[in-house]
Amino acid sequence: MAGKSTCELVQFTEYSSQQWFITGNNLHALKNKVLSLSVKGLTSQPLTDHNEVLYRIYAAEPRIIPQTSLCLLWNQAAASWLSDSQFCKVVEDTSDYVECACSYMSVYAVYAQTDKLSSYNEAFFSSGFICVSGFCLAVLSHIFCARFSMFAAKLLTHMMAASLGTQIVFLVSAYASPQLAEESCSAVAAIT
């Protein structure tokens, strides 16, 4: 009938794992996020009238290396990811997220290279270095400038030395944590 609109059942699915979409091409989904858009009764197909599906996937840690992202489209027939810019393209990629636009109704994901750098900035490590320097000066001044050997002074020197060691281990673990396994991080935490 003319003028009568039809309703369609549209289903959005967000997978928190890509276990159903693992392939041999080593394109792993960013943050294990896989999104799906489907209309009941229709198979995967190109969208009409220049319509696009826009999606954005955030990556808090580790950070994304800009200009290295790919928008992935699931090819159901070949059971693999396509990074074809004919159907999917990167709209924007920053160190925090990747936004894609796809003109094909299917299953979507994002591949992006991430950095292995520590999440702490230079100010954190600078302040840590200042603390370590202060503890070193305090310990050295107590050792070389003490006139009398008092119990309180020795106790204070031991406390400063312990704080110095803890601060050094904390800074080293913060710097090395992106490269360490969970067991190694647990061992460092147990030491401190």
N, C-alpha and C. Protein backbone atom coordinates (compact mmCIF):
# COMPACT_ATOMS: atom_id res chain seq x y z
N MET A 1 0.83 -1.18 0.00
CA MET A 1 0.00 0.00 0.00
C MET A 1 0.88 1.25 0.00
N ALA A 2 0.47 2.21 -0.73
CA ALA A 2 1.25 3.45 -0.83
C ALA A 2 1.08 4.27 0.45
N GLY A 3 2.18 4.86 0.91
CA GLY A 3 2.13 5.72 2.09
C GLY A 3 2.20 4.98 3.41
N LYS A 4 2.19 3.66 3.38
CA LYS A 4 2.25 2.90 4.63
C LYS A 4 3.70 2.55 4.93
N SER A 5 4.13 2.88 6.14
CA SER A 5 5.51 2.59 6.51
C SER A 5 5.58 1.21 7.15
N THR A 6 6.72 0.60 7.01
CA THR A 6 6.92 -0.72 7.62
C THR A 6 7.96 -0.61 8.71
N CYS A 7 7.78 -1.40 9.73
CA CYS A 7 8.75 -1.44 10.82
C CYS A 7 9.63 -2.66 10.66
N GLU A 8 10.87 -2.50 10.96
CA GLU A 8 11.83 -3.59 10.90
C GLU A 8 12.45 -3.78 12.27
N LEU A 9 12.76 -5.01 12.59
CA LEU A 9 13.44 -5.32 13.85
C LEU A 9 14.95 -5.22 13.62
N VAL A 10 15.55 -4.22 14.25
CA VAL A 10 16.99 -4.00 14.13
C VAL A 10 17.64 -4.48 15.42
N GLN A 11 18.69 -5.27 15.28
CA GLN A 11 19.36 -5.81 16.46
C GLN A 11 20.81 -5.35 16.48
N PHE A 12 21.19 -4.73 17.62
CA PHE A 12 22.57 -4.33 17.88
C PHE A 12 23.14 -5.29 18.91
N THR A 13 24.30 -5.84 18.62
CA THR A 13 24.94 -6.78 19.55
C THR A 13 26.37 -6.32 19.79
N GLU A 14 26.78 -6.34 21.06
CA GLU A 14 28.16 -6.04 21.42
C GLU A 14 28.75 -7.28 22.07
N TYR A 15 29.74 -7.85 21.43
CA TYR A 15 30.43 -9.01 21.99
C TYR A 15 31.60 -8.51 22.84
N SER A 16 31.77 -9.08 24.00
CA SER A 16 32.89 -8.67 24.85
C SER A 16 34.10 -9.57 24.65
N SER A 17 34.00 -10.47 23.70
CA SER A 17 35.10 -11.36 23.36
C SER A 17 35.03 -11.64 21.87
N GLN A 18 36.17 -11.89 21.27
CA GLN A 18 36.16 -12.20 19.84
C GLN A 18 36.34 -13.69 19.59
N GLN A 19 35.98 -14.52 20.56
CA GLN A 19 36.23 -15.95 20.43
C GLN A 19 35.51 -16.57 19.24
N TRP A 20 34.40 -15.99 18.81
CA TRP A 20 33.68 -16.53 17.66
C TRP A 20 34.25 -16.01 16.35
N PHE A 21 35.19 -15.07 16.43
CA PHE A 21 35.71 -14.41 15.24
C PHE A 21 37.23 -14.51 15.13
N ILE A 22 37.81 -15.55 15.69
CA ILE A 22 39.26 -15.72 15.64
C ILE A 22 39.64 -16.34 14.30
N THR A 23 40.59 -15.71 13.63
CA THR A 23 41.04 -16.20 12.33
C THR A 23 42.56 -16.29 12.34
N GLY A 24 43.11 -16.77 11.26
CA GLY A 24 44.56 -16.93 11.17
C GLY A 24 45.29 -15.70 10.68
N ASN A 25 44.59 -14.59 10.41
CA ASN A 25 45.27 -13.42 9.85
C ASN A 25 45.80 -12.45 10.89
N ASN A 26 45.76 -12.82 12.16
CA ASN A 26 46.35 -12.05 13.26
C ASN A 26 45.78 -10.64 13.40
N LEU A 27 44.58 -10.41 12.92
CA LEU A 27 43.92 -9.13 13.16
C LEU A 27 43.04 -9.28 14.39
N HIS A 28 43.56 -8.85 15.53
CA HIS A 28 42.82 -8.98 16.78
C HIS A 28 42.03 -7.71 17.04
N ALA A 29 40.81 -7.88 17.50
CA ALA A 29 39.94 -6.74 17.76
C ALA A 29 40.46 -5.94 18.95
N LEU A 30 40.44 -4.63 18.80
CA LEU A 30 40.86 -3.72 19.87
C LEU A 30 39.95 -3.90 21.07
N LYS A 31 40.54 -4.11 22.24
CA LYS A 31 39.83 -4.30 23.51
C LYS A 31 38.84 -5.48 23.45
N ASN A 32 39.04 -6.40 22.51
CA ASN A 32 38.17 -7.57 22.33
C ASN A 32 36.72 -7.18 22.07
N LYS A 33 36.48 -6.00 21.53
CA LYS A 33 35.13 -5.53 21.25
C LYS A 33 34.76 -5.84 19.81
N VAL A 34 33.65 -6.53 19.65
CA VAL A 34 33.10 -6.83 18.34
C VAL A 34 31.65 -6.38 18.36
N LEU A 35 31.24 -5.60 17.36
CA LEU A 35 29.89 -5.06 17.27
C LEU A 35 29.18 -5.68 16.08
N SER A 36 27.87 -5.83 16.22
CA SER A 36 27.08 -6.42 15.13
C SER A 36 25.81 -5.61 14.93
N LEU A 37 25.42 -5.44 13.67
CA LEU A 37 24.17 -4.78 13.32
C LEU A 37 23.45 -5.68 12.32
N SER A 38 22.22 -6.01 12.63
CA SER A 38 21.46 -6.86 11.71
C SER A 38 19.99 -6.46 11.73
N VAL A 39 19.33 -6.76 10.62
CA VAL A 39 17.89 -6.56 10.49
C VAL A 39 17.27 -7.93 10.32
N LYS A 40 16.21 -8.18 11.08
CA LYS A 40 15.59 -9.50 11.07
C LYS A 40 15.16 -9.88 9.65
N GLY A 41 15.60 -11.07 9.25
CA GLY A 41 15.23 -11.60 7.95
C GLY A 41 16.18 -11.22 6.82
N LEU A 42 17.16 -10.37 7.09
CA LEU A 42 18.10 -9.96 6.04
C LEU A 42 19.50 -10.46 6.37
N THR A 43 20.23 -10.81 5.34
CA THR A 43 21.62 -11.23 5.54
C THR A 43 22.52 -10.00 5.44
N SER A 44 23.80 -10.21 5.63
CA SER A 44 24.76 -9.11 5.50
C SER A 44 24.70 -8.57 4.09
N GLN A 45 24.59 -7.25 3.99
CA GLN A 45 24.45 -6.63 2.68
C GLN A 45 24.88 -5.17 2.73
N PRO A 46 25.18 -4.58 1.57
CA PRO A 46 25.52 -3.15 1.56
C PRO A 46 24.30 -2.31 1.95
N LEU A 47 24.57 -1.19 2.61
CA LEU A 47 23.49 -0.27 2.98
C LEU A 47 23.16 0.61 1.78
N THR A 48 21.91 0.98 1.66
CA THR A 48 21.46 1.76 0.51
C THR A 48 21.48 3.26 0.82
N ASP A 49 21.34 4.06 -0.21
CA ASP A 49 21.22 5.53 -0.11
C ASP A 49 22.37 6.17 0.65
N HIS A 50 23.56 5.67 0.48
CA HIS A 50 24.77 6.21 1.12
C HIS A 50 24.68 6.24 2.64
N ASN A 51 23.90 5.34 3.21
CA ASN A 51 23.83 5.24 4.67
C ASN A 51 25.09 4.56 5.19
N GLU A 52 25.46 4.91 6.40
CA GLU A 52 26.64 4.32 7.02
C GLU A 52 26.36 4.01 8.48
N VAL A 53 27.04 2.99 8.96
CA VAL A 53 27.02 2.67 10.38
C VAL A 53 28.28 3.29 10.98
N LEU A 54 28.10 4.18 11.95
CA LEU A 54 29.23 4.80 12.64
C LEU A 54 29.41 4.11 13.98
N TYR A 55 30.62 3.74 14.29
CA TYR A 55 30.90 3.17 15.60
C TYR A 55 32.26 3.63 16.08
N ARG A 56 32.38 3.69 17.41
CA ARG A 56 33.60 4.17 18.05
C ARG A 56 33.98 3.21 19.15
N ILE A 57 35.24 2.79 19.17
CA ILE A 57 35.73 1.90 20.22
C ILE A 57 36.86 2.61 20.96
N TYR A 58 36.67 2.69 22.28
CA TYR A 58 37.64 3.37 23.15
C TYR A 58 38.67 2.37 23.66
N ALA A 59 39.86 2.86 23.87
CA ALA A 59 40.93 2.05 24.46
C ALA A 59 41.64 2.90 25.50
N ALA A 60 41.26 2.75 26.75
CA ALA A 60 41.86 3.55 27.81
C ALA A 60 43.34 3.21 27.97
N GLU A 61 43.66 1.97 28.14
CA GLU A 61 45.05 1.53 28.28
C GLU A 61 45.20 0.21 27.56
N PRO A 62 46.19 -0.06 26.84
CA PRO A 62 47.25 0.83 26.41
C PRO A 62 46.75 1.79 25.34
N ARG A 63 47.49 2.84 25.12
CA ARG A 63 47.07 3.87 24.18
C ARG A 63 47.26 3.41 22.74
N ILE A 64 46.42 3.96 21.87
CA ILE A 64 46.47 3.65 20.44
C ILE A 64 47.53 4.51 19.78
N ILE A 65 48.28 3.92 18.86
CA ILE A 65 49.22 4.69 18.05
C ILE A 65 48.42 5.23 16.86
N PRO A 66 48.22 6.56 16.77
CA PRO A 66 47.42 7.12 15.68
C PRO A 66 47.98 6.75 14.31
N GLN A 67 47.11 6.72 13.33
CA GLN A 67 47.42 6.41 11.94
C GLN A 67 47.79 4.95 11.71
N THR A 68 47.50 4.07 12.67
CA THR A 68 47.78 2.64 12.50
C THR A 68 46.51 1.80 12.57
N SER A 69 45.36 2.45 12.60
CA SER A 69 44.10 1.74 12.83
C SER A 69 43.49 1.24 11.53
N LEU A 70 42.76 0.13 11.65
CA LEU A 70 42.00 -0.43 10.54
C LEU A 70 40.59 -0.71 11.03
N CYS A 71 39.61 -0.41 10.20
CA CYS A 71 38.23 -0.78 10.50
C CYS A 71 37.99 -2.15 9.88
N LEU A 72 37.51 -3.07 10.67
CA LEU A 72 37.35 -4.45 10.22
C LEU A 72 35.88 -4.78 9.98
N LEU A 73 35.65 -5.53 8.94
CA LEU A 73 34.31 -6.00 8.57
C LEU A 73 34.38 -7.51 8.45
N TRP A 74 33.44 -8.20 9.07
CA TRP A 74 33.46 -9.66 9.07
C TRP A 74 32.91 -10.19 7.76
N ASN A 75 33.71 -10.99 7.06
CA ASN A 75 33.30 -11.66 5.84
C ASN A 75 32.79 -13.04 6.23
N GLN A 76 31.48 -13.19 6.24
CA GLN A 76 30.90 -14.44 6.72
C GLN A 76 31.22 -15.61 5.81
N ALA A 77 31.29 -15.38 4.51
CA ALA A 77 31.55 -16.47 3.57
C ALA A 77 32.96 -17.02 3.75
N ALA A 78 33.94 -16.14 3.95
CA ALA A 78 35.33 -16.58 4.11
C ALA A 78 35.70 -16.78 5.57
N ALA A 79 34.81 -16.42 6.48
CA ALA A 79 35.06 -16.52 7.93
C ALA A 79 36.38 -15.83 8.31
N SER A 80 36.50 -14.58 7.85
CA SER A 80 37.70 -13.81 8.17
C SER A 80 37.35 -12.32 8.19
N TRP A 81 38.27 -11.54 8.76
CA TRP A 81 38.09 -10.09 8.81
C TRP A 81 38.58 -9.46 7.51
N LEU A 82 37.84 -8.49 7.02
CA LEU A 82 38.25 -7.69 5.88
C LEU A 82 38.63 -6.30 6.38
N SER A 83 39.71 -5.79 5.89
CA SER A 83 40.07 -4.41 6.22
C SER A 83 39.95 -3.56 4.96
N ASP A 84 38.94 -3.85 4.18
CA ASP A 84 38.72 -3.22 2.88
C ASP A 84 38.16 -1.81 3.07
N SER A 85 38.84 -0.82 2.55
CA SER A 85 38.36 0.56 2.70
C SER A 85 37.19 0.87 1.77
N GLN A 86 36.81 -0.08 0.91
CA GLN A 86 35.65 0.12 0.05
C GLN A 86 34.37 0.17 0.88
N PHE A 87 34.29 -0.66 1.92
CA PHE A 87 33.08 -0.70 2.74
C PHE A 87 33.26 -0.03 4.10
N CYS A 88 34.46 -0.07 4.66
CA CYS A 88 34.71 0.50 5.98
C CYS A 88 35.92 1.41 5.92
N LYS A 89 35.80 2.56 6.57
CA LYS A 89 36.93 3.48 6.60
C LYS A 89 37.06 4.10 7.98
N VAL A 90 38.28 4.49 8.30
CA VAL A 90 38.55 5.16 9.57
C VAL A 90 38.13 6.61 9.42
N VAL A 91 37.25 7.05 10.31
CA VAL A 91 36.82 8.44 10.32
C VAL A 91 37.79 9.26 11.16
N GLU A 92 38.14 8.72 12.33
CA GLU A 92 39.06 9.42 13.23
C GLU A 92 39.73 8.40 14.13
N ASP A 93 41.02 8.56 14.32
CA ASP A 93 41.70 7.73 15.32
C ASP A 93 42.63 8.61 16.14
N THR A 94 42.49 8.50 17.43
CA THR A 94 43.31 9.26 18.37
C THR A 94 43.98 8.25 19.29
N SER A 95 44.68 8.75 20.29
CA SER A 95 45.31 7.82 21.23
C SER A 95 44.30 7.18 22.17
N ASP A 96 43.05 7.70 22.18
CA ASP A 96 42.02 7.18 23.09
C ASP A 96 40.96 6.32 22.40
N TYR A 97 40.66 6.58 21.14
CA TYR A 97 39.59 5.84 20.48
C TYR A 97 39.81 5.80 18.97
N VAL A 98 39.04 4.90 18.33
CA VAL A 98 39.00 4.81 16.87
C VAL A 98 37.54 4.87 16.46
N GLU A 99 37.23 5.73 15.50
CA GLU A 99 35.86 5.84 14.99
C GLU A 99 35.85 5.40 13.53
N CYS A 100 34.88 4.55 13.19
CA CYS A 100 34.79 3.99 11.84
C CYS A 100 33.41 4.25 11.25
N ALA A 101 33.36 4.24 9.93
CA ALA A 101 32.10 4.33 9.20
C ALA A 101 32.07 3.19 8.19
N CYS A 102 31.01 2.38 8.23
CA CYS A 102 30.88 1.24 7.33
C CYS A 102 29.58 1.35 6.55
N SER A 103 29.64 1.06 5.27
CA SER A 103 28.46 1.11 4.41
C SER A 103 27.93 -0.29 4.13
N TYR A 104 28.20 -1.21 5.03
CA TYR A 104 27.81 -2.60 4.86
C TYR A 104 27.26 -3.10 6.19
N MET A 105 26.10 -3.77 6.16
CA MET A 105 25.51 -4.29 7.39
C MET A 105 26.14 -5.64 7.70
N SER A 106 26.85 -5.70 8.82
CA SER A 106 27.58 -6.91 9.16
C SER A 106 28.03 -6.86 10.61
N VAL A 107 29.18 -7.50 10.85
CA VAL A 107 29.84 -7.51 12.16
C VAL A 107 31.09 -6.67 12.02
N TYR A 108 31.33 -5.81 13.03
CA TYR A 108 32.42 -4.83 12.93
C TYR A 108 33.38 -4.95 14.11
N ALA A 109 34.61 -4.54 13.86
CA ALA A 109 35.62 -4.45 14.92
C ALA A 109 36.66 -3.44 14.47
N VAL A 110 37.64 -3.20 15.34
CA VAL A 110 38.73 -2.28 15.04
C VAL A 110 40.04 -2.98 15.36
N TYR A 111 41.00 -2.84 14.47
CA TYR A 111 42.37 -3.27 14.75
C TYR A 111 43.21 -2.02 14.87
N ALA A 112 44.03 -1.95 15.92
CA ALA A 112 44.92 -0.80 16.08
C ALA A 112 46.17 -1.25 16.81
N GLN A 113 47.29 -0.68 16.43
CA GLN A 113 48.52 -0.92 17.16
C GLN A 113 48.51 -0.07 18.42
N THR A 114 48.95 -0.66 19.51
CA THR A 114 48.98 0.07 20.77
C THR A 114 50.41 0.17 21.26
N ASP A 115 50.66 1.21 22.06
CA ASP A 115 52.01 1.37 22.59
C ASP A 115 52.17 0.56 23.87
N LYS A 116 53.39 0.31 24.21
CA LYS A 116 53.71 -0.45 25.42
C LYS A 116 54.31 0.46 26.48
N LEU A 117 54.08 1.75 26.34
CA LEU A 117 54.66 2.69 27.28
C LEU A 117 53.90 2.69 28.59
N SER A 118 54.56 3.15 29.60
CA SER A 118 53.92 3.26 30.91
C SER A 118 52.83 4.32 30.83
N SER A 119 51.80 4.15 31.63
CA SER A 119 50.70 5.10 31.62
C SER A 119 51.00 6.34 32.45
N TYR A 120 52.15 6.38 33.09
CA TYR A 120 52.53 7.55 33.88
C TYR A 120 53.27 8.54 33.00
N ASN A 121 53.04 9.83 33.24
CA ASN A 121 53.70 10.84 32.43
C ASN A 121 55.02 11.28 33.06
N GLU A 122 55.66 12.24 32.43
CA GLU A 122 56.99 12.69 32.88
C GLU A 122 56.93 13.34 34.25
N ALA A 123 55.84 14.04 34.56
CA ALA A 123 55.72 14.71 35.86
C ALA A 123 55.75 13.69 37.00
N PHE A 124 55.13 12.54 36.79
CA PHE A 124 55.13 11.49 37.82
C PHE A 124 56.55 11.01 38.10
N PHE A 125 57.29 10.71 37.03
CA PHE A 125 58.65 10.21 37.22
C PHE A 125 59.58 11.31 37.73
N SER A 126 59.36 12.56 37.33
CA SER A 126 60.17 13.66 37.85
C SER A 126 59.97 13.83 39.35
N SER A 127 58.72 13.80 39.79
CA SER A 127 58.46 13.93 41.23
C SER A 127 59.03 12.74 41.99
N GLY A 128 58.97 11.56 41.41
CA GLY A 128 59.57 10.38 42.05
C GLY A 128 61.08 10.52 42.18
N PHE A 129 61.71 11.06 41.13
CA PHE A 129 63.16 11.28 41.19
C PHE A 129 63.52 12.31 42.26
N ILE A 130 62.70 13.34 42.39
CA ILE A 130 62.93 14.35 43.43
C ILE A 130 62.82 13.72 44.82
N CYS A 131 61.82 12.85 45.01
CA CYS A 131 61.67 12.16 46.30
C CYS A 131 62.89 11.27 46.59
N VAL A 132 63.34 10.53 45.59
CA VAL A 132 64.51 9.66 45.78
C VAL A 132 65.73 10.50 46.14
N SER A 133 65.91 11.62 45.45
CA SER A 133 67.05 12.51 45.75
C SER A 133 66.96 13.04 47.17
N GLY A 134 65.76 13.43 47.60
CA GLY A 134 65.58 13.93 48.96
C GLY A 134 65.89 12.88 50.00
N PHE A 135 65.42 11.65 49.77
CA PHE A 135 65.71 10.56 50.71
C PHE A 135 67.21 10.28 50.77
N CYS A 136 67.88 10.30 49.60
CA CYS A 136 69.34 10.07 49.59
C CYS A 136 70.06 11.14 50.40
N LEU A 137 69.69 12.39 50.20
CA LEU A 137 70.33 13.48 50.95
C LEU A 137 70.06 13.35 52.45
N ALA A 138 68.84 12.97 52.82
CA ALA A 138 68.51 12.82 54.24
C ALA A 138 69.33 11.70 54.88
N VAL A 139 69.44 10.56 54.19
CA VAL A 139 70.20 9.44 54.74
C VAL A 139 71.68 9.81 54.84
N LEU A 140 72.23 10.41 53.79
CA LEU A 140 73.65 10.79 53.82
C LEU A 140 73.93 11.85 54.89
N SER A 141 73.02 12.80 55.05
CA SER A 141 73.25 13.82 56.08
C SER A 141 73.18 13.22 57.48
N HIS A 142 72.30 12.25 57.69
CA HIS A 142 72.24 11.60 59.00
C HIS A 142 73.48 10.75 59.27
N ILE A 143 74.02 10.15 58.22
CA ILE A 143 75.22 9.30 58.41
C ILE A 143 76.46 10.16 58.67
N PHE A 144 76.65 11.20 57.86
CA PHE A 144 77.90 11.97 57.94
C PHE A 144 77.85 13.17 58.87
N CYS A 145 76.67 13.65 59.20
CA CYS A 145 76.59 14.88 60.00
C CYS A 145 76.14 14.65 61.43
N ALA A 146 75.95 13.42 61.83
CA ALA A 146 75.49 13.16 63.20
C ALA A 146 76.64 13.38 64.18
N ARG A 147 76.39 14.18 65.23
CA ARG A 147 77.43 14.43 66.23
C ARG A 147 77.41 13.35 67.30
N PHE A 148 76.21 12.93 67.67
CA PHE A 148 76.09 11.92 68.72
C PHE A 148 75.33 10.74 68.16
N SER A 149 75.68 9.57 68.59
CA SER A 149 75.00 8.36 68.15
C SER A 149 73.79 8.14 69.05
N MET A 150 72.65 8.66 68.61
CA MET A 150 71.42 8.53 69.40
C MET A 150 70.51 7.50 68.75
N PHE A 151 69.70 6.84 69.58
CA PHE A 151 68.78 5.82 69.08
C PHE A 151 67.76 6.44 68.12
N ALA A 152 67.24 7.61 68.44
CA ALA A 152 66.23 8.26 67.59
C ALA A 152 66.81 8.60 66.22
N ALA A 153 68.06 9.04 66.18
CA ALA A 153 68.69 9.38 64.90
C ALA A 153 68.90 8.12 64.06
N LYS A 154 69.32 7.03 64.70
CA LYS A 154 69.50 5.76 63.97
C LYS A 154 68.16 5.24 63.45
N LEU A 155 67.13 5.36 64.27
CA LEU A 155 65.79 4.93 63.86
C LEU A 155 65.30 5.75 62.67
N LEU A 156 65.52 7.06 62.73
CA LEU A 156 65.13 7.93 61.63
C LEU A 156 65.91 7.61 60.36
N THR A 157 67.19 7.30 60.49
CA THR A 157 68.02 6.94 59.33
C THR A 157 67.52 5.64 58.70
N HIS A 158 67.18 4.66 59.52
CA HIS A 158 66.66 3.40 59.00
C HIS A 158 65.31 3.62 58.30
N MET A 159 64.48 4.47 58.87
CA MET A 159 63.19 4.75 58.26
C MET A 159 63.37 5.44 56.89
N MET A 160 64.29 6.39 56.82
CA MET A 160 64.56 7.08 55.56
C MET A 160 65.13 6.11 54.52
N ALA A 161 66.02 5.21 54.94
CA ALA A 161 66.58 4.21 54.02
C ALA A 161 65.49 3.27 53.51
N ALA A 162 64.58 2.86 54.39
CA ALA A 162 63.47 2.00 53.96
C ALA A 162 62.55 2.74 52.99
N SER A 163 62.28 4.01 53.27
CA SER A 163 61.45 4.81 52.36
C SER A 163 62.13 5.00 51.02
N LEU A 164 63.45 5.19 51.04
CA LEU A 164 64.21 5.33 49.80
C LEU A 164 64.11 4.05 48.97
N GLY A 165 64.30 2.90 49.60
CA GLY A 165 64.19 1.63 48.88
C GLY A 165 62.80 1.41 48.31
N THR A 166 61.78 1.72 49.10
CA THR A 166 60.40 1.57 48.63
C THR A 166 60.12 2.48 47.45
N GLN A 167 60.59 3.71 47.51
CA GLN A 167 60.37 4.67 46.43
C GLN A 167 61.06 4.21 45.15
N ILE A 168 62.27 3.68 45.27
CA ILE A 168 63.00 3.19 44.08
C ILE A 168 62.27 2.01 43.46
N VAL A 169 61.85 1.05 44.28
CA VAL A 169 61.13 -0.12 43.76
C VAL A 169 59.81 0.31 43.13
N PHE A 170 59.12 1.28 43.74
CA PHE A 170 57.85 1.77 43.19
C PHE A 170 58.06 2.40 41.82
N LEU A 171 59.07 3.24 41.68
CA LEU A 171 59.33 3.88 40.39
C LEU A 171 59.73 2.87 39.32
N VAL A 172 60.58 1.91 39.69
CA VAL A 172 60.99 0.89 38.73
C VAL A 172 59.80 0.04 38.30
N SER A 173 58.96 -0.33 39.25
CA SER A 173 57.79 -1.16 38.90
C SER A 173 56.79 -0.37 38.06
N ALA A 174 56.62 0.92 38.34
CA ALA A 174 55.71 1.74 37.53
C ALA A 174 56.23 1.88 36.10
N TYR A 175 57.54 1.99 35.95
CA TYR A 175 58.11 2.12 34.62
C TYR A 175 58.07 0.80 33.85
N ALA A 176 58.30 -0.31 34.55
CA ALA A 176 58.40 -1.61 33.88
C ALA A 176 57.07 -2.36 33.80
N SER A 177 56.03 -1.88 34.45
CA SER A 177 54.78 -2.64 34.54
C SER A 177 54.14 -3.01 33.20
N PRO A 178 54.20 -2.18 32.14
CA PRO A 178 53.59 -2.62 30.88
C PRO A 178 54.27 -3.84 30.26
N GLN A 179 55.55 -4.07 30.57
CA GLN A 179 56.26 -5.20 29.98
C GLN A 179 56.24 -6.43 30.87
N LEU A 180 55.80 -6.30 32.11
CA LEU A 180 55.83 -7.43 33.05
C LEU A 180 54.53 -8.22 32.99
N ALA A 181 54.65 -9.52 33.24
CA ALA A 181 53.46 -10.37 33.35
C ALA A 181 52.79 -10.11 34.70
N GLU A 182 51.57 -10.61 34.86
CA GLU A 182 50.84 -10.38 36.10
C GLU A 182 51.57 -10.98 37.30
N GLU A 183 52.20 -12.14 37.11
CA GLU A 183 52.92 -12.77 38.21
C GLU A 183 54.11 -11.92 38.64
N SER A 184 54.81 -11.34 37.68
CA SER A 184 55.95 -10.48 38.00
C SER A 184 55.51 -9.23 38.74
N CYS A 185 54.39 -8.65 38.30
CA CYS A 185 53.86 -7.47 39.00
C CYS A 185 53.46 -7.83 40.42
N SER A 186 52.89 -9.01 40.61
CA SER A 186 52.51 -9.45 41.95
C SER A 186 53.74 -9.64 42.83
N ALA A 187 54.82 -10.17 42.25
CA ALA A 187 56.05 -10.35 43.02
C ALA A 187 56.64 -9.01 43.44
N VAL A 188 56.63 -8.03 42.53
CA VAL A 188 57.13 -6.70 42.88
C VAL A 188 56.26 -6.07 43.95
N ALA A 189 54.95 -6.26 43.86
CA ALA A 189 54.04 -5.71 44.87
C ALA A 189 54.28 -6.37 46.23
N ALA A 190 54.58 -7.66 46.23
CA ALA A 190 54.83 -8.35 47.50
C ALA A 190 56.12 -7.85 48.16
N ILE A 191 57.10 -7.49 47.34
CA ILE A 191 58.36 -6.97 47.89
C ILE A 191 58.15 -5.62 48.55
N THR A 192 57.35 -4.78 47.90
CA THR A 192 57.13 -3.45 48.46
C THR A 192 56.09 -3.53 49.54
